[in-house]
Amino acid sequence: MWVAVDTMSGDLGPAGLVEGSIDAINQFGTSVVLVGREDILGELILGYTFDSDKLKIIHAEEVIGMEDSPSIAVKTKENSSLVTAIKLVAEGECVGIFSPGNTGATMAAALMYLGRIQGVDRPPIAVPFPQEKGPPLLLLDAGANVDCKPEYLAQFAIMGEIYSREIFGISSPKIGILSNGEEDKKGNALSLKTFAILKKLPIKFIGNVEGRDLYGSGRDVDVVVCDGFIGNIVLKATEGLAKSIFHILKDNIAESNIAKTGALLLKPTLKAMKKRLDYAEYGGAVLLGVNGTCIIGHGSSSALAVKNAIKVVVECARNDVNVRISENILKYKI
């Protein structure tokens, strides 16, 4: 199985993407296609040792930037690293793609060249949220669909349930709707109508969950659905809070010698905490519901994030996640 990596669209250049790709080859035995400027990529790989049979370079001259209009860029920059990588998946050369570039452009290219899985109305972005214990929680939609119908959220729940089971190894994922209270009658028109649909499906639906439940400190839930407007706000607020906590902690430690000593003693614990909260451990967000695995990473994705994203792409293909999604969406006729 080959995985395409868009090496030119990130904020930090291709070096970390190449490093992460080669780490995936060496640690997981994955086969990787690096897509981007052949001269630059050819120079970068010279510094590594790896199985040359498991790496290819496909030249792509253009780059879709973060400032580009997604729909226009995808149509006008057909020789970009992103579009070229997506085409490799569409043509069956690769099972999936990782891109740390323009999220909107990645979605537009995936819909244009891969298309939706049969029965899926709107592909959502699914984001793993680290928990206090155990596997991560999956939140979807995290920004792909701002305006949603209840049927869309019900499909998100089915897709999230399958992904959580196949990738996170949760045998019977618990599904919840993000709302402003746990009571059945709480919520807006969208969440109330979605509640009625999910209650009838043969999934482990636990009802409404609140924002505090996303982090493992409240109700026990594995998959949380909401529209992309709410989901994206939750995601960005969470990222901002996590950064602030670590910055405040760092600044306070620097102000006191006693705190510095304490921090030194707690260093293993703090490192373990940071590792558990690090998005790089999960690779990125996954665009579910398209014909091919599509992982969307941070623009500043590290080599660790790239390596783990490639691993997830392969796991999705091996576990037939898309096949399971198609089967269940059609079976439930939502």
C-alpha atoms as a PDB file:
ATOM      1  CA  MET A   1       0.000   0.000   0.000  1.00  0.00           C
ATOM      2  CA  TRP A   2       1.364   3.374  -1.070  1.00  0.00           C
ATOM      3  CA  VAL A   3       0.578   6.610   0.764  1.00  0.00           C
ATOM      4  CA  ALA A   4       0.879  10.002  -0.951  1.00  0.00           C
ATOM      5  CA  VAL A   5       2.386  12.872   1.046  1.00  0.00           C
ATOM      6  CA  ASP A   6       1.889  16.471  -0.074  1.00  0.00           C
ATOM      7  CA  THR A   7       5.309  17.816   0.854  1.00  0.00           C
ATOM      8  CA  MET A   8       5.059  21.411  -0.355  1.00  0.00           C
ATOM      9  CA  SER A   9       1.910  22.833   1.263  1.00  0.00           C
ATOM     10  CA  GLY A  10       2.916  23.125   4.913  1.00  0.00           C
ATOM     11  CA  ASP A  11       4.121  26.211   6.757  1.00  0.00           C
ATOM     12  CA  LEU A  12       7.572  24.794   7.567  1.00  0.00           C
ATOM     13  CA  GLY A  13       8.671  23.509   4.173  1.00  0.00           C
ATOM     14  CA  PRO A  14       9.235  19.901   3.087  1.00  0.00           C
ATOM     15  CA  ALA A  15      12.086  18.877   5.428  1.00  0.00           C
ATOM     16  CA  GLY A  16       9.895  17.642   8.294  1.00  0.00           C
ATOM     17  CA  LEU A  17       7.489  15.949   5.881  1.00  0.00           C
ATOM     18  CA  VAL A  18      10.353  14.041   4.293  1.00  0.00           C
ATOM     19  CA  GLU A  19      11.738  13.073   7.704  1.00  0.00           C
ATOM     20  CA  GLY A  20       8.341  11.833   8.910  1.00  0.00           C
ATOM     21  CA  SER A  21       7.774   9.888   5.700  1.00  0.00           C
ATOM     22  CA  ILE A  22      11.120   8.125   5.959  1.00  0.00           C
ATOM     23  CA  ASP A  23      10.456   7.397   9.646  1.00  0.00           C
ATOM     24  CA  ALA A  24       7.211   5.689   8.550  1.00  0.00           C
ATOM     25  CA  ILE A  25       9.132   3.620   6.008  1.00  0.00           C
ATOM     26  CA  ASN A  26      11.759   2.580   8.541  1.00  0.00           C
ATOM     27  CA  GLN A  27       9.452   1.966  11.513  1.00  0.00           C
ATOM     28  CA  PHE A  28       6.278   0.657   9.874  1.00  0.00           C
ATOM     29  CA  GLY A  29       7.502  -0.632   6.518  1.00  0.00           C
ATOM     30  CA  THR A  30       5.094   1.716   4.739  1.00  0.00           C
ATOM     31  CA  SER A  31       5.531   2.666   1.071  1.00  0.00           C
ATOM     32  CA  VAL A  32       5.428   6.428   0.520  1.00  0.00           C
ATOM     33  CA  VAL A  33       5.142   8.720  -2.498  1.00  0.00           C
ATOM     34  CA  LEU A  34       6.602  12.163  -1.866  1.00  0.00           C
ATOM     35  CA  VAL A  35       4.822  14.724  -4.055  1.00  0.00           C
ATOM     36  CA  GLY A  36       6.449  18.076  -4.727  1.00  0.00           C
ATOM     37  CA  ARG A  37       9.517  19.691  -6.265  1.00  0.00           C
ATOM     38  CA  GLU A  38      11.702  16.806  -7.406  1.00  0.00           C
ATOM     39  CA  ASP A  39      14.958  18.744  -7.114  1.00  0.00           C
ATOM     40  CA  ILE A  40      14.279  19.763  -3.505  1.00  0.00           C
ATOM     41  CA  LEU A  41      12.978  16.356  -2.411  1.00  0.00           C
ATOM     42  CA  GLY A  42      15.814  14.512  -4.133  1.00  0.00           C
ATOM     43  CA  GLU A  43      18.322  16.584  -2.209  1.00  0.00           C
ATOM     44  CA  LEU A  44      16.549  16.092   1.128  1.00  0.00           C
ATOM     45  CA  ILE A  45      16.369  12.292   0.995  1.00  0.00           C
ATOM     46  CA  LEU A  46      20.147  12.019   0.545  1.00  0.00           C
ATOM     47  CA  GLY A  47      20.609  12.489   4.273  1.00  0.00           C
ATOM     48  CA  TYR A  48      18.659   9.329   5.188  1.00  0.00           C
ATOM     49  CA  THR A  49      18.990   5.569   5.059  1.00  0.00           C
ATOM     50  CA  PHE A  50      15.869   3.676   3.977  1.00  0.00           C
ATOM     51  CA  ASP A  51      14.549   0.971   1.655  1.00  0.00           C
ATOM     52  CA  SER A  52      14.595   2.693  -1.735  1.00  0.00           C
ATOM     53  CA  ASP A  53      11.921   0.324  -3.048  1.00  0.00           C
ATOM     54  CA  LYS A  54       9.465   1.882  -0.614  1.00  0.00           C
ATOM     55  CA  LEU A  55       9.879   5.502  -1.673  1.00  0.00           C
ATOM     56  CA  LYS A  56       8.988   7.369  -4.852  1.00  0.00           C
ATOM     57  CA  ILE A  57       9.114  11.030  -5.793  1.00  0.00           C
ATOM     58  CA  ILE A  58       6.448  12.495  -8.065  1.00  0.00           C
ATOM     59  CA  HIS A  59       7.207  15.964  -9.378  1.00  0.00           C
ATOM     60  CA  ALA A  60       4.668  18.740  -8.854  1.00  0.00           C
ATOM     61  CA  GLU A  61       5.712  22.284  -9.690  1.00  0.00           C
ATOM     62  CA  GLU A  62       2.925  24.334  -8.125  1.00  0.00           C
ATOM     63  CA  VAL A  63       1.880  24.939  -4.524  1.00  0.00           C
ATOM     64  CA  ILE A  64      -1.545  25.834  -3.119  1.00  0.00           C
ATOM     65  CA  GLY A  65      -0.958  28.298  -0.316  1.00  0.00           C
ATOM     66  CA  MET A  66      -2.965  28.947   2.834  1.00  0.00           C
ATOM     67  CA  GLU A  67      -4.121  32.263   1.370  1.00  0.00           C
ATOM     68  CA  ASP A  68      -5.445  30.738  -1.868  1.00  0.00           C
ATOM     69  CA  SER A  69      -9.163  30.366  -2.538  1.00  0.00           C
ATOM     70  CA  PRO A  70      -9.760  26.594  -2.195  1.00  0.00           C
ATOM     71  CA  SER A  71     -12.139  26.055  -5.118  1.00  0.00           C
ATOM     72  CA  ILE A  72     -10.266  28.343  -7.504  1.00  0.00           C
ATOM     73  CA  ALA A  73      -6.831  26.985  -6.575  1.00  0.00           C
ATOM     74  CA  VAL A  74      -7.865  23.357  -7.043  1.00  0.00           C
ATOM     75  CA  LYS A  75      -9.158  24.133 -10.550  1.00  0.00           C
ATOM     76  CA  THR A  76      -6.312  26.392 -11.663  1.00  0.00           C
ATOM     77  CA  LYS A  77      -3.343  24.660 -10.020  1.00  0.00           C
ATOM     78  CA  GLU A  78      -3.755  21.126 -11.319  1.00  0.00           C
ATOM     79  CA  ASN A  79       0.016  20.605 -11.123  1.00  0.00           C
ATOM     80  CA  SER A  80       0.142  21.507  -7.432  1.00  0.00           C
ATOM     81  CA  SER A  81       1.511  19.023  -4.920  1.00  0.00           C
ATOM     82  CA  LEU A  82      -1.916  18.715  -3.265  1.00  0.00           C
ATOM     83  CA  VAL A  83      -3.921  18.024  -6.421  1.00  0.00           C
ATOM     84  CA  THR A  84      -1.260  15.692  -7.808  1.00  0.00           C
ATOM     85  CA  ALA A  85      -1.287  13.694  -4.561  1.00  0.00           C
ATOM     86  CA  ILE A  86      -5.103  13.495  -4.548  1.00  0.00           C
ATOM     87  CA  LYS A  87      -5.054  12.288  -8.163  1.00  0.00           C
ATOM     88  CA  LEU A  88      -2.725   9.433  -7.164  1.00  0.00           C
ATOM     89  CA  VAL A  89      -5.414   8.257  -4.754  1.00  0.00           C
ATOM     90  CA  ALA A  90      -8.184   8.715  -7.332  1.00  0.00           C
ATOM     91  CA  GLU A  91      -6.216   6.659  -9.859  1.00  0.00           C
ATOM     92  CA  GLY A  92      -5.626   3.856  -7.368  1.00  0.00           C
ATOM     93  CA  GLU A  93      -1.867   4.393  -7.150  1.00  0.00           C
ATOM     94  CA  CYS A  94      -2.139   5.274  -3.444  1.00  0.00           C
ATOM     95  CA  VAL A  95      -4.633   4.295  -0.727  1.00  0.00           C
ATOM     96  CA  GLY A  96      -4.662   7.740   0.854  1.00  0.00           C
ATOM     97  CA  ILE A  97      -3.015  11.111   1.312  1.00  0.00           C
ATOM     98  CA  PHE A  98      -1.576  13.276   4.053  1.00  0.00           C
ATOM     99  CA  SER A  99      -1.489  17.035   3.536  1.00  0.00           C
ATOM    100  CA  PRO A 100      -0.550  19.779   6.019  1.00  0.00           C
ATOM    101  CA  GLY A 101      -1.842  22.472   3.678  1.00  0.00           C
ATOM    102  CA  ASN A 102      -4.974  24.484   3.024  1.00  0.00           C
ATOM    103  CA  THR A 103      -7.844  22.560   4.666  1.00  0.00           C
ATOM    104  CA  GLY A 104     -10.483  23.973   2.338  1.00  0.00           C
ATOM    105  CA  ALA A 105      -8.407  23.119  -0.719  1.00  0.00           C
ATOM    106  CA  THR A 106      -7.824  19.577   0.537  1.00  0.00           C
ATOM    107  CA  MET A 107     -11.565  19.120   0.986  1.00  0.00           C
ATOM    108  CA  ALA A 108     -12.340  20.647  -2.420  1.00  0.00           C
ATOM    109  CA  ALA A 109      -9.758  18.461  -4.180  1.00  0.00           C
ATOM    110  CA  ALA A 110     -10.987  15.333  -2.389  1.00  0.00           C
ATOM    111  CA  LEU A 111     -14.586  15.995  -3.414  1.00  0.00           C
ATOM    112  CA  MET A 112     -13.614  16.858  -6.978  1.00  0.00           C
ATOM    113  CA  TYR A 113     -11.302  13.913  -7.673  1.00  0.00           C
ATOM    114  CA  LEU A 114     -12.297  11.248  -5.144  1.00  0.00           C
ATOM    115  CA  GLY A 115     -15.991  11.944  -4.728  1.00  0.00           C
ATOM    116  CA  ARG A 116     -18.222  10.938  -1.842  1.00  0.00           C
ATOM    117  CA  ILE A 117     -18.769   7.383  -0.663  1.00  0.00           C
ATOM    118  CA  GLN A 118     -22.110   6.098  -1.886  1.00  0.00           C
ATOM    119  CA  GLY A 119     -24.871   7.249   0.438  1.00  0.00           C
ATOM    120  CA  VAL A 120     -22.840   9.953   2.199  1.00  0.00           C
ATOM    121  CA  ASP A 121     -24.406  13.422   1.957  1.00  0.00           C
ATOM    122  CA  ARG A 122     -21.615  15.525   3.481  1.00  0.00           C
ATOM    123  CA  PRO A 123     -18.082  14.373   4.421  1.00  0.00           C
ATOM    124  CA  PRO A 124     -17.135  15.607   7.923  1.00  0.00           C
ATOM    125  CA  ILE A 125     -13.751  16.370   9.448  1.00  0.00           C
ATOM    126  CA  ALA A 126     -13.144  14.077  12.426  1.00  0.00           C
ATOM    127  CA  VAL A 127     -10.662  15.172  15.102  1.00  0.00           C
ATOM    128  CA  PRO A 128      -9.288  12.995  17.937  1.00  0.00           C
ATOM    129  CA  PHE A 129      -9.406  14.555  21.417  1.00  0.00           C
ATOM    130  CA  PRO A 130      -6.953  13.098  23.974  1.00  0.00           C
ATOM    131  CA  GLN A 131      -8.608  11.734  27.116  1.00  0.00           C
ATOM    132  CA  GLU A 132      -7.444  11.383  30.716  1.00  0.00           C
ATOM    133  CA  LYS A 133      -7.357   7.612  30.187  1.00  0.00           C
ATOM    134  CA  GLY A 134      -7.716   5.260  27.262  1.00  0.00           C
ATOM    135  CA  PRO A 135      -8.129   5.991  23.545  1.00  0.00           C
ATOM    136  CA  PRO A 136      -9.073   9.430  22.221  1.00  0.00           C
ATOM    137  CA  LEU A 137     -12.577  10.745  21.743  1.00  0.00           C
ATOM    138  CA  LEU A 138     -13.614  11.555  18.176  1.00  0.00           C
ATOM    139  CA  LEU A 139     -15.317  14.904  17.497  1.00  0.00           C
ATOM    140  CA  LEU A 140     -17.060  15.480  14.171  1.00  0.00           C
ATOM    141  CA  ASP A 141     -17.727  17.697  12.321  1.00  0.00           C
ATOM    142  CA  ALA A 142     -14.789  19.988  13.113  1.00  0.00           C
ATOM    143  CA  GLY A 143     -15.337  22.462  10.299  1.00  0.00           C
ATOM    144  CA  ALA A 144     -16.237  20.925   6.940  1.00  0.00           C
ATOM    145  CA  ASN A 145     -19.977  21.669   7.103  1.00  0.00           C
ATOM    146  CA  VAL A 146     -21.068  24.874   8.804  1.00  0.00           C
ATOM    147  CA  ASP A 147     -24.781  24.441   8.110  1.00  0.00           C
ATOM    148  CA  CYS A 148     -26.118  20.944   8.718  1.00  0.00           C
ATOM    149  CA  LYS A 149     -29.335  18.963   8.589  1.00  0.00           C
ATOM    150  CA  PRO A 150     -30.185  16.366  11.239  1.00  0.00           C
ATOM    151  CA  GLU A 151     -29.570  13.623   8.663  1.00  0.00           C
ATOM    152  CA  TYR A 152     -26.000  14.853   8.208  1.00  0.00           C
ATOM    153  CA  LEU A 153     -25.272  14.612  11.924  1.00  0.00           C
ATOM    154  CA  ALA A 154     -26.802  11.137  12.026  1.00  0.00           C
ATOM    155  CA  GLN A 155     -24.449  10.077   9.229  1.00  0.00           C
ATOM    156  CA  PHE A 156     -21.543  11.673  11.114  1.00  0.00           C
ATOM    157  CA  ALA A 157     -22.437   9.477  14.081  1.00  0.00           C
ATOM    158  CA  ILE A 158     -22.363   6.331  11.954  1.00  0.00           C
ATOM    159  CA  MET A 159     -19.027   7.277  10.357  1.00  0.00           C
ATOM    160  CA  GLY A 160     -17.523   8.213  13.721  1.00  0.00           C
ATOM    161  CA  GLU A 161     -18.710   4.978  15.289  1.00  0.00           C
ATOM    162  CA  ILE A 162     -17.034   2.940  12.545  1.00  0.00           C
ATOM    163  CA  TYR A 163     -13.787   4.932  12.700  1.00  0.00           C
ATOM    164  CA  SER A 164     -13.626   4.728  16.501  1.00  0.00           C
ATOM    165  CA  ARG A 165     -14.157   0.984  16.390  1.00  0.00           C
ATOM    166  CA  GLU A 166     -11.763   0.176  13.544  1.00  0.00           C
ATOM    167  CA  ILE A 167      -8.941   2.629  14.298  1.00  0.00           C
ATOM    168  CA  PHE A 168      -9.118   3.181  18.066  1.00  0.00           C
ATOM    169  CA  GLY A 169     -10.143  -0.399  18.827  1.00  0.00           C
ATOM    170  CA  ILE A 170     -13.273   0.471  20.840  1.00  0.00           C
ATOM    171  CA  SER A 171     -15.590  -2.528  20.490  1.00  0.00           C
ATOM    172  CA  SER A 172     -18.851  -0.645  21.080  1.00  0.00           C
ATOM    173  CA  PRO A 173     -18.310   3.128  20.866  1.00  0.00           C
ATOM    174  CA  LYS A 174     -20.663   5.347  22.852  1.00  0.00           C
ATOM    175  CA  ILE A 175     -22.176   8.146  20.750  1.00  0.00           C
ATOM    176  CA  GLY A 176     -23.314  11.551  22.007  1.00  0.00           C
ATOM    177  CA  ILE A 177     -24.616  14.862  20.633  1.00  0.00           C
ATOM    178  CA  LEU A 178     -22.836  18.020  21.785  1.00  0.00           C
ATOM    179  CA  SER A 179     -25.447  20.151  23.536  1.00  0.00           C
ATOM    180  CA  ASN A 180     -25.981  22.687  26.300  1.00  0.00           C
ATOM    181  CA  GLY A 181     -27.169  20.086  28.786  1.00  0.00           C
ATOM    182  CA  GLU A 182     -27.476  16.341  29.298  1.00  0.00           C
ATOM    183  CA  GLU A 183     -31.268  16.309  29.531  1.00  0.00           C
ATOM    184  CA  ASP A 184     -33.073  14.860  26.525  1.00  0.00           C
ATOM    185  CA  LYS A 185     -35.021  18.052  25.882  1.00  0.00           C
ATOM    186  CA  LYS A 186     -31.968  20.348  25.927  1.00  0.00           C
ATOM    187  CA  GLY A 187     -30.463  21.680  22.705  1.00  0.00           C
ATOM    188  CA  ASN A 188     -31.479  23.561  19.568  1.00  0.00           C
ATOM    189  CA  ALA A 189     -33.732  22.409  16.724  1.00  0.00           C
ATOM    190  CA  LEU A 190     -30.838  20.653  14.963  1.00  0.00           C
ATOM    191  CA  SER A 191     -29.666  18.648  17.986  1.00  0.00           C
ATOM    192  CA  LEU A 192     -33.228  17.726  19.039  1.00  0.00           C
ATOM    193  CA  LYS A 193     -34.102  16.378  15.597  1.00  0.00           C
ATOM    194  CA  THR A 194     -30.783  14.529  15.425  1.00  0.00           C
ATOM    195  CA  PHE A 195     -31.498  13.048  18.858  1.00  0.00           C
ATOM    196  CA  ALA A 196     -34.752  11.557  17.560  1.00  0.00           C
ATOM    197  CA  ILE A 197     -32.972   9.930  14.598  1.00  0.00           C
ATOM    198  CA  LEU A 198     -30.046   8.496  16.589  1.00  0.00           C
ATOM    199  CA  LYS A 199     -32.342   7.078  19.240  1.00  0.00           C
ATOM    200  CA  LYS A 200     -33.825   4.748  16.621  1.00  0.00           C
ATOM    201  CA  LEU A 201     -30.499   3.461  15.244  1.00  0.00           C
ATOM    202  CA  PRO A 202     -28.837   0.236  16.483  1.00  0.00           C
ATOM    203  CA  ILE A 203     -25.817   2.105  17.889  1.00  0.00           C
ATOM    204  CA  LYS A 204     -24.808   2.821  21.484  1.00  0.00           C
ATOM    205  CA  PHE A 205     -26.371   6.287  21.644  1.00  0.00           C
ATOM    206  CA  ILE A 206     -26.122   7.854  25.117  1.00  0.00           C
ATOM    207  CA  GLY A 207     -27.904  11.135  24.349  1.00  0.00           C
ATOM    208  CA  ASN A 208     -26.651  14.675  24.918  1.00  0.00           C
ATOM    209  CA  VAL A 209     -23.170  15.482  26.213  1.00  0.00           C
ATOM    210  CA  GLU A 210     -21.691  18.788  27.335  1.00  0.00           C
ATOM    211  CA  GLY A 211     -18.428  20.522  26.487  1.00  0.00           C
ATOM    212  CA  ARG A 212     -16.688  19.254  29.643  1.00  0.00           C
ATOM    213  CA  ASP A 213     -17.343  15.671  28.535  1.00  0.00           C
ATOM    214  CA  LEU A 214     -14.978  16.084  25.576  1.00  0.00           C
ATOM    215  CA  TYR A 215     -11.898  15.763  27.781  1.00  0.00           C
ATOM    216  CA  GLY A 216     -12.675  12.644  29.780  1.00  0.00           C
ATOM    217  CA  SER A 217     -13.718  14.405  32.968  1.00  0.00           C
ATOM    218  CA  GLY A 218     -17.475  14.000  32.565  1.00  0.00           C
ATOM    219  CA  ARG A 219     -19.713  11.422  30.911  1.00  0.00           C
ATOM    220  CA  ASP A 220     -18.079   8.411  29.333  1.00  0.00           C
ATOM    221  CA  VAL A 221     -18.419   8.975  25.560  1.00  0.00           C
ATOM    222  CA  ASP A 222     -16.321   7.966  22.537  1.00  0.00           C
ATOM    223  CA  VAL A 223     -17.848   9.846  19.577  1.00  0.00           C
ATOM    224  CA  VAL A 224     -19.421  13.316  19.737  1.00  0.00           C
ATOM    225  CA  VAL A 225     -21.290  14.865  16.820  1.00  0.00           C
ATOM    226  CA  CYS A 226     -22.131  18.499  16.088  1.00  0.00           C
ATOM    227  CA  ASP A 227     -22.262  20.830  13.107  1.00  0.00           C
ATOM    228  CA  GLY A 228     -19.001  22.168  11.686  1.00  0.00           C
ATOM    229  CA  PHE A 229     -19.596  25.692  12.988  1.00  0.00           C
ATOM    230  CA  ILE A 230     -19.722  24.564  16.613  1.00  0.00           C
ATOM    231  CA  GLY A 231     -17.082  21.876  16.124  1.00  0.00           C
ATOM    232  CA  ASN A 232     -14.511  24.251  14.685  1.00  0.00           C
ATOM    233  CA  ILE A 233     -15.012  26.748  17.504  1.00  0.00           C
ATOM    234  CA  VAL A 234     -14.556  23.954  20.070  1.00  0.00           C
ATOM    235  CA  LEU A 235     -11.402  22.744  18.294  1.00  0.00           C
ATOM    236  CA  LYS A 236      -9.772  26.183  18.061  1.00  0.00           C
ATOM    237  CA  ALA A 237     -10.707  27.073  21.646  1.00  0.00           C
ATOM    238  CA  THR A 238      -9.218  23.797  22.875  1.00  0.00           C
ATOM    239  CA  GLU A 239      -5.982  24.326  20.953  1.00  0.00           C
ATOM    240  CA  GLY A 240      -5.677  27.871  22.285  1.00  0.00           C
ATOM    241  CA  LEU A 241      -6.330  26.809  25.875  1.00  0.00           C
ATOM    242  CA  ALA A 242      -3.769  24.004  25.725  1.00  0.00           C
ATOM    243  CA  LYS A 243      -1.085  26.405  24.446  1.00  0.00           C
ATOM    244  CA  SER A 244      -1.941  28.987  27.101  1.00  0.00           C
ATOM    245  CA  ILE A 245      -1.716  26.451  29.924  1.00  0.00           C
ATOM    246  CA  PHE A 246       1.760  25.343  28.888  1.00  0.00           C
ATOM    247  CA  HIS A 247       2.941  28.942  28.368  1.00  0.00           C
ATOM    248  CA  ILE A 248       1.634  30.023  31.782  1.00  0.00           C
ATOM    249  CA  LEU A 249       3.227  26.990  33.411  1.00  0.00           C
ATOM    250  CA  LYS A 250       6.559  27.708  31.700  1.00  0.00           C
ATOM    251  CA  ASP A 251       6.521  31.385  32.681  1.00  0.00           C
ATOM    252  CA  ASN A 252       5.676  30.649  36.314  1.00  0.00           C
ATOM    253  CA  ILE A 253       8.413  28.039  36.573  1.00  0.00           C
ATOM    254  CA  ALA A 254      10.961  30.536  35.218  1.00  0.00           C
ATOM    255  CA  GLU A 255      10.120  33.042  37.977  1.00  0.00           C
ATOM    256  CA  SER A 256      11.222  30.877  40.930  1.00  0.00           C
ATOM    257  CA  ASN A 257      14.228  28.706  41.713  1.00  0.00           C
ATOM    258  CA  ILE A 258      12.031  26.505  43.889  1.00  0.00           C
ATOM    259  CA  ALA A 259       9.615  26.058  40.971  1.00  0.00           C
ATOM    260  CA  LYS A 260      12.551  25.223  38.685  1.00  0.00           C
ATOM    261  CA  THR A 261      13.679  22.510  41.100  1.00  0.00           C
ATOM    262  CA  GLY A 262      10.155  21.138  41.319  1.00  0.00           C
ATOM    263  CA  ALA A 263       9.816  21.183  37.555  1.00  0.00           C
ATOM    264  CA  LEU A 264      13.052  19.248  37.228  1.00  0.00           C
ATOM    265  CA  LEU A 265      11.695  16.551  39.529  1.00  0.00           C
ATOM    266  CA  LEU A 266       8.414  16.514  37.601  1.00  0.00           C
ATOM    267  CA  LYS A 267      10.069  16.514  34.176  1.00  0.00           C
ATOM    268  CA  PRO A 268       9.148  12.873  33.323  1.00  0.00           C
ATOM    269  CA  THR A 269       5.540  13.526  34.351  1.00  0.00           C
ATOM    270  CA  LEU A 270       5.339  16.773  32.388  1.00  0.00           C
ATOM    271  CA  LYS A 271       6.812  15.089  29.316  1.00  0.00           C
ATOM    272  CA  ALA A 272       4.267  12.280  29.563  1.00  0.00           C
ATOM    273  CA  MET A 273       1.470  14.857  29.914  1.00  0.00           C
ATOM    274  CA  LYS A 274       2.665  16.809  26.886  1.00  0.00           C
ATOM    275  CA  LYS A 275       2.940  13.618  24.849  1.00  0.00           C
ATOM    276  CA  ARG A 276      -0.622  12.619  25.740  1.00  0.00           C
ATOM    277  CA  LEU A 277      -1.974  16.033  24.698  1.00  0.00           C
ATOM    278  CA  ASP A 278       0.151  16.357  21.563  1.00  0.00           C
ATOM    279  CA  TYR A 279      -1.894  16.277  18.340  1.00  0.00           C
ATOM    280  CA  ALA A 280       1.153  14.801  16.602  1.00  0.00           C
ATOM    281  CA  GLU A 281       0.479  11.486  18.353  1.00  0.00           C
ATOM    282  CA  TYR A 282      -2.651  11.119  16.186  1.00  0.00           C
ATOM    283  CA  GLY A 283      -1.270  12.588  12.947  1.00  0.00           C
ATOM    284  CA  GLY A 284      -4.109  14.970  12.165  1.00  0.00           C
ATOM    285  CA  ALA A 285      -7.792  15.154  11.344  1.00  0.00           C
ATOM    286  CA  VAL A 286      -9.442  12.727   8.948  1.00  0.00           C
ATOM    287  CA  LEU A 287     -11.894  13.700   6.221  1.00  0.00           C
ATOM    288  CA  LEU A 288     -14.433  10.881   6.416  1.00  0.00           C
ATOM    289  CA  GLY A 289     -16.917   9.956   3.706  1.00  0.00           C
ATOM    290  CA  VAL A 290     -14.723  10.341   0.605  1.00  0.00           C
ATOM    291  CA  ASN A 291     -13.444   7.533  -1.613  1.00  0.00           C
ATOM    292  CA  GLY A 292      -9.935   7.358  -0.235  1.00  0.00           C
ATOM    293  CA  THR A 293      -8.373   8.175   3.115  1.00  0.00           C
ATOM    294  CA  CYS A 294      -7.549  11.857   3.521  1.00  0.00           C
ATOM    295  CA  ILE A 295      -5.640  13.052   6.608  1.00  0.00           C
ATOM    296  CA  ILE A 296      -5.397  16.813   7.103  1.00  0.00           C
ATOM    297  CA  GLY A 297      -2.527  17.952   9.295  1.00  0.00           C
ATOM    298  CA  HIS A 298      -1.519  21.203  10.955  1.00  0.00           C
ATOM    299  CA  GLY A 299       0.439  23.566   8.730  1.00  0.00           C
ATOM    300  CA  SER A 300       3.310  23.163  11.204  1.00  0.00           C
ATOM    301  CA  SER A 301       3.085  19.358  11.359  1.00  0.00           C
ATOM    302  CA  SER A 302       6.179  17.759  12.867  1.00  0.00           C
ATOM    303  CA  ALA A 303       7.923  14.653  11.575  1.00  0.00           C
ATOM    304  CA  LEU A 304       6.152  12.705  14.335  1.00  0.00           C
ATOM    305  CA  ALA A 305       2.743  13.912  13.128  1.00  0.00           C
ATOM    306  CA  VAL A 306       3.576  12.968   9.540  1.00  0.00           C
ATOM    307  CA  LYS A 307       4.746   9.499  10.552  1.00  0.00           C
ATOM    308  CA  ASN A 308       1.623   8.829  12.591  1.00  0.00           C
ATOM    309  CA  ALA A 309      -0.684  10.224   9.908  1.00  0.00           C
ATOM    310  CA  ILE A 310       0.811   7.824   7.365  1.00  0.00           C
ATOM    311  CA  LYS A 311       0.225   4.993   9.818  1.00  0.00           C
ATOM    312  CA  VAL A 312      -3.457   5.983  10.155  1.00  0.00           C
ATOM    313  CA  VAL A 313      -3.902   6.068   6.369  1.00  0.00           C
ATOM    314  CA  VAL A 314      -2.672   2.475   6.119  1.00  0.00           C
ATOM    315  CA  GLU A 315      -4.820   1.351   9.067  1.00  0.00           C
ATOM    316  CA  CYS A 316      -7.916   2.836   7.429  1.00  0.00           C
ATOM    317  CA  ALA A 317      -7.193   0.951   4.221  1.00  0.00           C
ATOM    318  CA  ARG A 318      -6.415  -2.349   5.958  1.00  0.00           C
ATOM    319  CA  ASN A 319      -9.559  -2.149   8.099  1.00  0.00           C
ATOM    320  CA  ASP A 320     -11.776  -1.227   5.126  1.00  0.00           C
ATOM    321  CA  VAL A 321     -13.129   1.828   6.926  1.00  0.00           C
ATOM    322  CA  ASN A 322     -14.666   3.257   3.748  1.00  0.00           C
ATOM    323  CA  VAL A 323     -16.318  -0.049   2.894  1.00  0.00           C
ATOM    324  CA  ARG A 324     -17.825  -0.217   6.386  1.00  0.00           C
ATOM    325  CA  ILE A 325     -19.077   3.359   6.103  1.00  0.00           C
ATOM    326  CA  SER A 326     -20.765   2.684   2.756  1.00  0.00           C
ATOM    327  CA  GLU A 327     -22.375  -0.527   3.997  1.00  0.00           C
ATOM    328  CA  ASN A 328     -23.800   1.074   7.132  1.00  0.00           C
ATOM    329  CA  ILE A 329     -24.950   4.348   5.559  1.00  0.00           C
ATOM    330  CA  LEU A 330     -26.883   2.410   2.921  1.00  0.00           C
ATOM    331  CA  LYS A 331     -28.219  -0.090   5.462  1.00  0.00           C
ATOM    332  CA  TYR A 332     -29.633   2.564   7.772  1.00  0.00           C
ATOM    333  CA  LYS A 333     -31.016   4.640   4.831  1.00  0.00           C
ATOM    334  CA  ILE A 334     -30.436   8.002   6.441  1.00  0.00           C
END
